[in-house]
Amino acid sequence: MNKIEIKVKGMVCSECEKRIENALMNIDGVVSVKADHDKELVVIETNKNVDKEEIERKIIDLDFKVIKEN
């Protein structure tokens, strides 16, 4: 099981979390998604290699901002 953590700005409520969770669950290989608007964090678990950029694009397509960490 692989775990991907992505910092996301723009989530303000549980509905925002659900939008992200539902969208990311449609990606092949994603087995769980937990979005937390208080922590500005999305944690994704996958059962195979999933392109992190594909995940980030889905989040951006929902009008949220992905925070790139150095």
PDB file of N, CA and C in Angstrom:
ATOM      1  N   MET A   1       0.854  -1.185   0.000  1.00  0.00           N
ATOM      2  CA  MET A   1       0.000   0.000   0.000  1.00  0.00           C
ATOM      3  C   MET A   1       0.892   1.237   0.000  1.00  0.00           C
ATOM      4  N   ASN A   2       0.621   2.143  -0.923  1.00  0.00           N
ATOM      5  CA  ASN A   2       1.357   3.405  -0.999  1.00  0.00           C
ATOM      6  C   ASN A   2       0.516   4.513  -0.392  1.00  0.00           C
ATOM      7  N   LYS A   3       1.187   5.473   0.262  1.00  0.00           N
ATOM      8  CA  LYS A   3       0.484   6.600   0.860  1.00  0.00           C
ATOM      9  C   LYS A   3       1.031   7.898   0.270  1.00  0.00           C
ATOM     10  N   ILE A   4       0.121   8.757  -0.186  1.00  0.00           N
ATOM     11  CA  ILE A   4       0.486  10.051  -0.756  1.00  0.00           C
ATOM     12  C   ILE A   4      -0.207  11.130   0.068  1.00  0.00           C
ATOM     13  N   GLU A   5       0.569  12.126   0.497  1.00  0.00           N
ATOM     14  CA  GLU A   5      -0.006  13.254   1.228  1.00  0.00           C
ATOM     15  C   GLU A   5       0.170  14.516   0.403  1.00  0.00           C
ATOM     16  N   ILE A   6      -0.914  15.285   0.272  1.00  0.00           N
ATOM     17  CA  ILE A   6      -0.882  16.506  -0.515  1.00  0.00           C
ATOM     18  C   ILE A   6      -1.507  17.631   0.305  1.00  0.00           C
ATOM     19  N   LYS A   7      -0.782  18.741   0.407  1.00  0.00           N
ATOM     20  CA  LYS A   7      -1.312  19.937   1.072  1.00  0.00           C
ATOM     21  C   LYS A   7      -2.217  20.658   0.078  1.00  0.00           C
ATOM     22  N   VAL A   8      -3.418  21.030   0.559  1.00  0.00           N
ATOM     23  CA  VAL A   8      -4.413  21.654  -0.317  1.00  0.00           C
ATOM     24  C   VAL A   8      -5.010  22.881   0.369  1.00  0.00           C
ATOM     25  N   LYS A   9      -5.003  24.001  -0.328  1.00  0.00           N
ATOM     26  CA  LYS A   9      -5.647  25.227   0.161  1.00  0.00           C
ATOM     27  C   LYS A   9      -6.996  25.377  -0.519  1.00  0.00           C
ATOM     28  N   GLY A  10      -7.938  25.953   0.199  1.00  0.00           N
ATOM     29  CA  GLY A  10      -9.241  26.243  -0.389  1.00  0.00           C
ATOM     30  C   GLY A  10     -10.377  25.396   0.170  1.00  0.00           C
ATOM     31  N   MET A  11     -10.049  24.342   0.910  1.00  0.00           N
ATOM     32  CA  MET A  11     -11.103  23.544   1.539  1.00  0.00           C
ATOM     33  C   MET A  11     -11.584  24.304   2.778  1.00  0.00           C
ATOM     34  N   VAL A  12     -12.907  24.512   2.887  1.00  0.00           N
ATOM     35  CA  VAL A  12     -13.418  25.264   4.028  1.00  0.00           C
ATOM     36  C   VAL A  12     -14.451  24.489   4.849  1.00  0.00           C
ATOM     37  N   CYS A  13     -14.882  23.328   4.353  1.00  0.00           N
ATOM     38  CA  CYS A  13     -15.939  22.598   5.052  1.00  0.00           C
ATOM     39  C   CYS A  13     -15.915  21.119   4.668  1.00  0.00           C
ATOM     40  N   SER A  14     -16.799  20.361   5.284  1.00  0.00           N
ATOM     41  CA  SER A  14     -16.862  18.924   5.007  1.00  0.00           C
ATOM     42  C   SER A  14     -17.326  18.642   3.579  1.00  0.00           C
ATOM     43  N   GLU A  15     -18.114  19.544   2.991  1.00  0.00           N
ATOM     44  CA  GLU A  15     -18.533  19.358   1.594  1.00  0.00           C
ATOM     45  C   GLU A  15     -17.338  19.446   0.652  1.00  0.00           C
ATOM     46  N   CYS A  16     -16.419  20.355   0.936  1.00  0.00           N
ATOM     47  CA  CYS A  16     -15.181  20.454   0.145  1.00  0.00           C
ATOM     48  C   CYS A  16     -14.412  19.140   0.242  1.00  0.00           C
ATOM     49  N   GLU A  17     -14.312  18.615   1.456  1.00  0.00           N
ATOM     50  CA  GLU A  17     -13.614  17.341   1.666  1.00  0.00           C
ATOM     51  C   GLU A  17     -14.263  16.238   0.838  1.00  0.00           C
ATOM     52  N   LYS A  18     -15.594  16.168   0.861  1.00  0.00           N
ATOM     53  CA  LYS A  18     -16.314  15.121   0.121  1.00  0.00           C
ATOM     54  C   LYS A  18     -16.086  15.243  -1.386  1.00  0.00           C
ATOM     55  N   ARG A  19     -16.067  16.475  -1.907  1.00  0.00           N
ATOM     56  CA  ARG A  19     -15.837  16.674  -3.351  1.00  0.00           C
ATOM     57  C   ARG A  19     -14.480  16.099  -3.746  1.00  0.00           C
ATOM     58  N   ILE A  20     -13.460  16.387  -2.957  1.00  0.00           N
ATOM     59  CA  ILE A  20     -12.120  15.880  -3.262  1.00  0.00           C
ATOM     60  C   ILE A  20     -12.087  14.365  -3.116  1.00  0.00           C
ATOM     61  N   GLU A  21     -12.633  13.858  -2.020  1.00  0.00           N
ATOM     62  CA  GLU A  21     -12.622  12.406  -1.783  1.00  0.00           C
ATOM     63  C   GLU A  21     -13.325  11.661  -2.915  1.00  0.00           C
ATOM     64  N   ASN A  22     -14.493  12.130  -3.322  1.00  0.00           N
ATOM     65  CA  ASN A  22     -15.249  11.464  -4.389  1.00  0.00           C
ATOM     66  C   ASN A  22     -14.498  11.500  -5.717  1.00  0.00           C
ATOM     67  N   ALA A  23     -13.911  12.640  -6.035  1.00  0.00           N
ATOM     68  CA  ALA A  23     -13.188  12.765  -7.311  1.00  0.00           C
ATOM     69  C   ALA A  23     -11.975  11.844  -7.352  1.00  0.00           C
ATOM     70  N   LEU A  24     -11.231  11.788  -6.255  1.00  0.00           N
ATOM     71  CA  LEU A  24     -10.004  10.986  -6.252  1.00  0.00           C
ATOM     72  C   LEU A  24     -10.287   9.490  -6.187  1.00  0.00           C
ATOM     73  N   MET A  25     -11.411   9.107  -5.611  1.00  0.00           N
ATOM     74  CA  MET A  25     -11.757   7.681  -5.561  1.00  0.00           C
ATOM     75  C   MET A  25     -12.020   7.116  -6.953  1.00  0.00           C
ATOM     76  N   ASN A  26     -12.250   7.975  -7.943  1.00  0.00           N
ATOM     77  CA  ASN A  26     -12.487   7.528  -9.319  1.00  0.00           C
ATOM     78  C   ASN A  26     -11.190   7.205 -10.063  1.00  0.00           C
ATOM     79  N   ILE A  27     -10.058   7.486  -9.453  1.00  0.00           N
ATOM     80  CA  ILE A  27      -8.774   7.192 -10.097  1.00  0.00           C
ATOM     81  C   ILE A  27      -8.442   5.718  -9.863  1.00  0.00           C
ATOM     82  N   ASP A  28      -8.093   5.026 -10.940  1.00  0.00           N
ATOM     83  CA  ASP A  28      -7.749   3.607 -10.850  1.00  0.00           C
ATOM     84  C   ASP A  28      -6.553   3.416  -9.914  1.00  0.00           C
ATOM     85  N   GLY A  29      -6.695   2.531  -8.945  1.00  0.00           N
ATOM     86  CA  GLY A  29      -5.616   2.233  -8.010  1.00  0.00           C
ATOM     87  C   GLY A  29      -5.771   2.915  -6.662  1.00  0.00           C
ATOM     88  N   VAL A  30      -6.635   3.918  -6.573  1.00  0.00           N
ATOM     89  CA  VAL A  30      -6.868   4.603  -5.299  1.00  0.00           C
ATOM     90  C   VAL A  30      -7.844   3.774  -4.474  1.00  0.00           C
ATOM     91  N   VAL A  31      -7.435   3.444  -3.236  1.00  0.00           N
ATOM     92  CA  VAL A  31      -8.303   2.625  -2.384  1.00  0.00           C
ATOM     93  C   VAL A  31      -8.928   3.418  -1.243  1.00  0.00           C
ATOM     94  N   SER A  32      -8.312   4.554  -0.846  1.00  0.00           N
ATOM     95  CA  SER A  32      -8.940   5.402   0.170  1.00  0.00           C
ATOM     96  C   SER A  32      -8.423   6.826   0.041  1.00  0.00           C
ATOM     97  N   VAL A  33      -9.306   7.755   0.426  1.00  0.00           N
ATOM     98  CA  VAL A  33      -8.954   9.171   0.416  1.00  0.00           C
ATOM     99  C   VAL A  33      -9.533   9.789   1.678  1.00  0.00           C
ATOM    100  N   LYS A  34      -8.717  10.552   2.389  1.00  0.00           N
ATOM    101  CA  LYS A  34      -9.194  11.283   3.567  1.00  0.00           C
ATOM    102  C   LYS A  34      -8.740  12.723   3.440  1.00  0.00           C
ATOM    103  N   ALA A  35      -9.695  13.627   3.260  1.00  0.00           N
ATOM    104  CA  ALA A  35      -9.401  15.057   3.182  1.00  0.00           C
ATOM    105  C   ALA A  35      -9.742  15.699   4.522  1.00  0.00           C
ATOM    106  N   ASP A  36      -8.901  16.615   4.970  1.00  0.00           N
ATOM    107  CA  ASP A  36      -9.108  17.303   6.245  1.00  0.00           C
ATOM    108  C   ASP A  36      -8.924  18.801   5.998  1.00  0.00           C
ATOM    109  N   HIS A  37     -10.024  19.545   6.008  1.00  0.00           N
ATOM    110  CA  HIS A  37      -9.923  20.983   5.710  1.00  0.00           C
ATOM    111  C   HIS A  37      -9.221  21.760   6.817  1.00  0.00           C
ATOM    112  N   ASP A  38      -9.296  21.293   8.058  1.00  0.00           N
ATOM    113  CA  ASP A  38      -8.609  21.983   9.158  1.00  0.00           C
ATOM    114  C   ASP A  38      -7.090  21.892   9.007  1.00  0.00           C
ATOM    115  N   LYS A  39      -6.612  20.741   8.607  1.00  0.00           N
ATOM    116  CA  LYS A  39      -5.166  20.526   8.436  1.00  0.00           C
ATOM    117  C   LYS A  39      -4.684  20.894   7.035  1.00  0.00           C
ATOM    118  N   GLU A  40      -5.628  21.206   6.137  1.00  0.00           N
ATOM    119  CA  GLU A  40      -5.320  21.477   4.729  1.00  0.00           C
ATOM    120  C   GLU A  40      -4.527  20.318   4.117  1.00  0.00           C
ATOM    121  N   LEU A  41      -4.996  19.098   4.392  1.00  0.00           N
ATOM    122  CA  LEU A  41      -4.269  17.906   3.981  1.00  0.00           C
ATOM    123  C   LEU A  41      -5.205  16.877   3.364  1.00  0.00           C
ATOM    124  N   VAL A  42      -4.714  16.241   2.294  1.00  0.00           N
ATOM    125  CA  VAL A  42      -5.417  15.120   1.684  1.00  0.00           C
ATOM    126  C   VAL A  42      -4.462  13.931   1.706  1.00  0.00           C
ATOM    127  N   VAL A  43      -4.917  12.808   2.287  1.00  0.00           N
ATOM    128  CA  VAL A  43      -4.117  11.595   2.366  1.00  0.00           C
ATOM    129  C   VAL A  43      -4.772  10.543   1.473  1.00  0.00           C
ATOM    130  N   ILE A  44      -3.980  10.032   0.524  1.00  0.00           N
ATOM    131  CA  ILE A  44      -4.482   9.060  -0.447  1.00  0.00           C
ATOM    132  C   ILE A  44      -3.715   7.757  -0.268  1.00  0.00           C
ATOM    133  N   GLU A  45      -4.426   6.639  -0.210  1.00  0.00           N
ATOM    134  CA  GLU A  45      -3.785   5.328  -0.185  1.00  0.00           C
ATOM    135  C   GLU A  45      -4.088   4.623  -1.493  1.00  0.00           C
ATOM    136  N   THR A  46      -3.042   4.029  -2.074  1.00  0.00           N
ATOM    137  CA  THR A  46      -3.191   3.348  -3.361  1.00  0.00           C
ATOM    138  C   THR A  46      -2.674   1.918  -3.251  1.00  0.00           C
ATOM    139  N   ASN A  47      -3.187   1.046  -4.120  1.00  0.00           N
ATOM    140  CA  ASN A  47      -2.712  -0.338  -4.120  1.00  0.00           C
ATOM    141  C   ASN A  47      -1.775  -0.603  -5.292  1.00  0.00           C
ATOM    142  N   LYS A  48      -1.455   0.433  -6.053  1.00  0.00           N
ATOM    143  CA  LYS A  48      -0.463   0.332  -7.120  1.00  0.00           C
ATOM    144  C   LYS A  48       0.068   1.734  -7.375  1.00  0.00           C
ATOM    145  N   ASN A  49       1.043   1.843  -8.262  1.00  0.00           N
ATOM    146  CA  ASN A  49       1.608   3.150  -8.539  1.00  0.00           C
ATOM    147  C   ASN A  49       0.586   4.037  -9.237  1.00  0.00           C
ATOM    148  N   VAL A  50       0.259   5.137  -8.593  1.00  0.00           N
ATOM    149  CA  VAL A  50      -0.642   6.131  -9.155  1.00  0.00           C
ATOM    150  C   VAL A  50       0.168   7.408  -9.307  1.00  0.00           C
ATOM    151  N   ASP A  51       0.027   8.060 -10.453  1.00  0.00           N
ATOM    152  CA  ASP A  51       0.765   9.281 -10.736  1.00  0.00           C
ATOM    153  C   ASP A  51       0.274  10.413  -9.830  1.00  0.00           C
ATOM    154  N   LYS A  52       1.174  10.922  -8.988  1.00  0.00           N
ATOM    155  CA  LYS A  52       0.818  12.012  -8.074  1.00  0.00           C
ATOM    156  C   LYS A  52       0.338  13.235  -8.858  1.00  0.00           C
ATOM    157  N   GLU A  53       0.902  13.453 -10.036  1.00  0.00           N
ATOM    158  CA  GLU A  53       0.490  14.601 -10.855  1.00  0.00           C
ATOM    159  C   GLU A  53      -0.969  14.464 -11.305  1.00  0.00           C
ATOM    160  N   GLU A  54      -1.408  13.240 -11.580  1.00  0.00           N
ATOM    161  CA  GLU A  54      -2.812  13.023 -11.952  1.00  0.00           C
ATOM    162  C   GLU A  54      -3.728  13.401 -10.789  1.00  0.00           C
ATOM    163  N   ILE A  55      -3.326  13.013  -9.585  1.00  0.00           N
ATOM    164  CA  ILE A  55      -4.097  13.355  -8.379  1.00  0.00           C
ATOM    165  C   ILE A  55      -4.152  14.875  -8.212  1.00  0.00           C
ATOM    166  N   GLU A  56      -2.999  15.521  -8.349  1.00  0.00           N
ATOM    167  CA  GLU A  56      -2.943  16.972  -8.193  1.00  0.00           C
ATOM    168  C   GLU A  56      -3.806  17.681  -9.241  1.00  0.00           C
ATOM    169  N   ARG A  57      -3.795  17.182 -10.481  1.00  0.00           N
ATOM    170  CA  ARG A  57      -4.630  17.779 -11.535  1.00  0.00           C
ATOM    171  C   ARG A  57      -6.112  17.698 -11.186  1.00  0.00           C
ATOM    172  N   LYS A  58      -6.538  16.554 -10.647  1.00  0.00           N
ATOM    173  CA  LYS A  58      -7.947  16.383 -10.253  1.00  0.00           C
ATOM    174  C   LYS A  58      -8.326  17.409  -9.186  1.00  0.00           C
ATOM    175  N   ILE A  59      -7.435  17.607  -8.220  1.00  0.00           N
ATOM    176  CA  ILE A  59      -7.697  18.566  -7.142  1.00  0.00           C
ATOM    177  C   ILE A  59      -7.792  19.981  -7.718  1.00  0.00           C
ATOM    178  N   ILE A  60      -6.868  20.329  -8.606  1.00  0.00           N
ATOM    179  CA  ILE A  60      -6.866  21.658  -9.229  1.00  0.00           C
ATOM    180  C   ILE A  60      -8.118  21.851 -10.081  1.00  0.00           C
ATOM    181  N   ASP A  61      -8.550  20.797 -10.787  1.00  0.00           N
ATOM    182  CA  ASP A  61      -9.768  20.871 -11.599  1.00  0.00           C
ATOM    183  C   ASP A  61     -11.007  21.180 -10.764  1.00  0.00           C
ATOM    184  N   LEU A  62     -10.960  20.864  -9.467  1.00  0.00           N
ATOM    185  CA  LEU A  62     -12.070  21.155  -8.556  1.00  0.00           C
ATOM    186  C   LEU A  62     -11.963  22.563  -7.977  1.00  0.00           C
ATOM    187  N   ASP A  63     -10.994  23.343  -8.470  1.00  0.00           N
ATOM    188  CA  ASP A  63     -10.762  24.728  -8.025  1.00  0.00           C
ATOM    189  C   ASP A  63     -10.157  24.842  -6.634  1.00  0.00           C
ATOM    190  N   PHE A  64      -9.363  23.855  -6.253  1.00  0.00           N
ATOM    191  CA  PHE A  64      -8.578  23.947  -5.031  1.00  0.00           C
ATOM    192  C   PHE A  64      -7.119  24.148  -5.429  1.00  0.00           C
ATOM    193  N   LYS A  65      -6.308  24.613  -4.494  1.00  0.00           N
ATOM    194  CA  LYS A  65      -4.898  24.910  -4.787  1.00  0.00           C
ATOM    195  C   LYS A  65      -4.011  23.887  -4.103  1.00  0.00           C
ATOM    196  N   VAL A  66      -3.146  23.248  -4.901  1.00  0.00           N
ATOM    197  CA  VAL A  66      -2.168  22.292  -4.376  1.00  0.00           C
ATOM    198  C   VAL A  66      -0.934  23.072  -3.936  1.00  0.00           C
ATOM    199  N   ILE A  67      -0.510  22.846  -2.696  1.00  0.00           N
ATOM    200  CA  ILE A  67       0.671  23.517  -2.144  1.00  0.00           C
ATOM    201  C   ILE A  67       1.878  22.605  -2.330  1.00  0.00           C
ATOM    202  N   LYS A  68       2.819  23.058  -3.133  1.00  0.00           N
ATOM    203  CA  LYS A  68       4.058  22.283  -3.367  1.00  0.00           C
ATOM    204  C   LYS A  68       5.021  22.570  -2.240  1.00  0.00           C
ATOM    205  N   GLU A  69       5.514  21.505  -1.625  1.00  0.00           N
ATOM    206  CA  GLU A  69       6.479  21.666  -0.530  1.00  0.00           C
ATOM    207  C   GLU A  69       7.876  21.432  -1.069  1.00  0.00           C
ATOM    208  N   ASN A  70       8.809  22.229  -0.607  1.00  0.00           N
ATOM    209  CA  ASN A  70      10.209  22.102  -1.074  1.00  0.00           C
ATOM    210  C   ASN A  70      10.932  20.994  -0.370  1.00  0.00           C
TER     211      ASN A  70
END
